[in-house]
Protein backbone atom coordinates (compact mmCIF):
# COMPACT_ATOMS: atom_id res chain seq x y z
CA UNK A 1 38.37 -9.41 -56.06
CA UNK A 2 37.28 -5.62 -55.48
CA UNK A 3 37.76 -3.77 -52.50
CA UNK A 4 34.96 -1.70 -51.14
CA UNK A 5 34.79 0.56 -47.81
CA UNK A 6 31.70 -0.55 -45.80
CA UNK A 7 30.39 2.45 -43.87
CA UNK A 8 27.55 2.08 -41.20
CA UNK A 9 25.39 4.98 -40.28
CA UNK A 10 25.11 6.27 -36.51
CA UNK A 11 21.60 4.90 -36.19
CA UNK A 12 22.96 1.32 -37.30
CA UNK A 13 26.09 1.64 -35.00
CA UNK A 14 23.77 2.27 -31.96
CA UNK A 15 21.98 -0.77 -32.89
CA UNK A 16 24.82 -3.08 -32.71
CA UNK A 17 26.27 -1.25 -29.48
CA UNK A 18 22.91 -1.77 -27.78
CA UNK A 19 23.17 -5.57 -28.55
CA UNK A 20 26.66 -5.90 -27.42
CA UNK A 21 28.20 -6.04 -30.84
CA UNK A 22 30.12 -2.77 -31.24
CA UNK A 23 31.52 -2.22 -34.81
CA UNK A 24 33.71 0.39 -36.48
CA UNK A 25 32.07 2.99 -38.49
CA UNK A 26 33.86 1.88 -41.55
CA UNK A 27 36.06 -1.04 -42.88
CA UNK A 28 37.52 -2.17 -45.96
CA UNK A 29 36.38 -5.63 -47.44
CA UNK A 30 37.07 -7.68 -50.43
CA UNK A 31 34.39 -9.28 -52.49
CA UNK A 32 34.24 -10.98 -55.95
CA UNK A 33 32.87 -8.74 -58.77
CA UNK A 34 29.19 -9.17 -58.94
CA UNK A 35 28.46 -9.89 -55.17
CA UNK A 36 25.24 -8.68 -54.32
CA UNK A 37 24.36 -6.33 -51.39
CA UNK A 38 22.54 -8.90 -49.75
CA UNK A 39 25.37 -11.41 -49.91
CA UNK A 40 27.64 -8.62 -48.31
CA UNK A 41 25.12 -8.09 -45.52
CA UNK A 42 25.04 -11.92 -45.03
CA UNK A 43 28.90 -11.90 -44.73
CA UNK A 44 28.77 -9.15 -42.19
CA UNK A 45 26.19 -10.80 -40.18
CA UNK A 46 23.78 -7.75 -40.71
CA UNK A 47 20.21 -8.46 -41.04
CA UNK A 48 18.65 -6.77 -44.37
CA UNK A 49 15.53 -5.80 -42.25
CA UNK A 50 17.91 -3.43 -40.10
CA UNK A 51 19.04 -1.56 -43.33
CA UNK A 52 16.03 0.35 -45.08
CA UNK A 53 18.50 2.48 -47.14
CA UNK A 54 21.62 1.67 -48.79
CA UNK A 55 23.90 3.91 -51.12
CA UNK A 56 26.98 3.22 -53.18
CA UNK A 57 29.54 5.88 -54.35
CA UNK A 58 32.05 4.98 -57.04
CA UNK A 59 33.99 7.95 -58.39
CA UNK A 60 31.55 10.72 -58.81
CA UNK A 61 28.50 8.71 -58.89
CA UNK A 62 26.42 8.19 -55.66
CA UNK A 63 23.19 6.04 -56.13
CA UNK A 64 20.79 4.10 -53.88
CA UNK A 65 20.61 0.47 -54.18
CA UNK A 66 18.55 -2.28 -53.49
CA UNK A 67 19.75 -5.57 -51.74
CA UNK A 68 19.60 -7.27 -54.95
CA UNK A 69 22.05 -5.01 -56.54
CA UNK A 70 25.52 -6.41 -57.74
CA UNK A 71 28.64 -4.60 -56.88
CA UNK A 72 30.79 -4.45 -59.84
CA UNK A 73 33.23 -1.71 -59.09
CA UNK A 74 35.37 -0.38 -56.07
CA UNK A 75 33.63 2.07 -53.99
CA UNK A 76 31.89 3.20 -50.79
CA UNK A 77 28.88 1.16 -49.58
CA UNK A 78 26.88 3.04 -46.93
CA UNK A 79 24.38 1.17 -44.72
CA UNK A 80 21.69 3.32 -43.10
CA UNK A 81 19.78 2.01 -40.22
CA UNK A 82 16.12 2.87 -39.36
CA UNK A 83 15.28 6.37 -38.21
CA UNK A 84 12.51 7.61 -36.47
CA UNK A 85 10.86 11.10 -36.10
CA UNK A 86 7.97 13.20 -37.00
């Protein structure tokens, strides 16, 4: 098992609060090595449709991920909710 820190962006936190499901900005979760981002989202009851951008920071490396990406090391997984603007 590996431990990752799951962080939610403010836009995603607002969506959960508006739906009566307040969540902490970050929490630590344990997953099996090779767990996909999509599986992590499902385990946290987060629809992939709410997360248009995902980043993962492990050590000095910070990269964007797709939901099909497998997590193979400890780090910080940040989920960004939809943004609007112009």
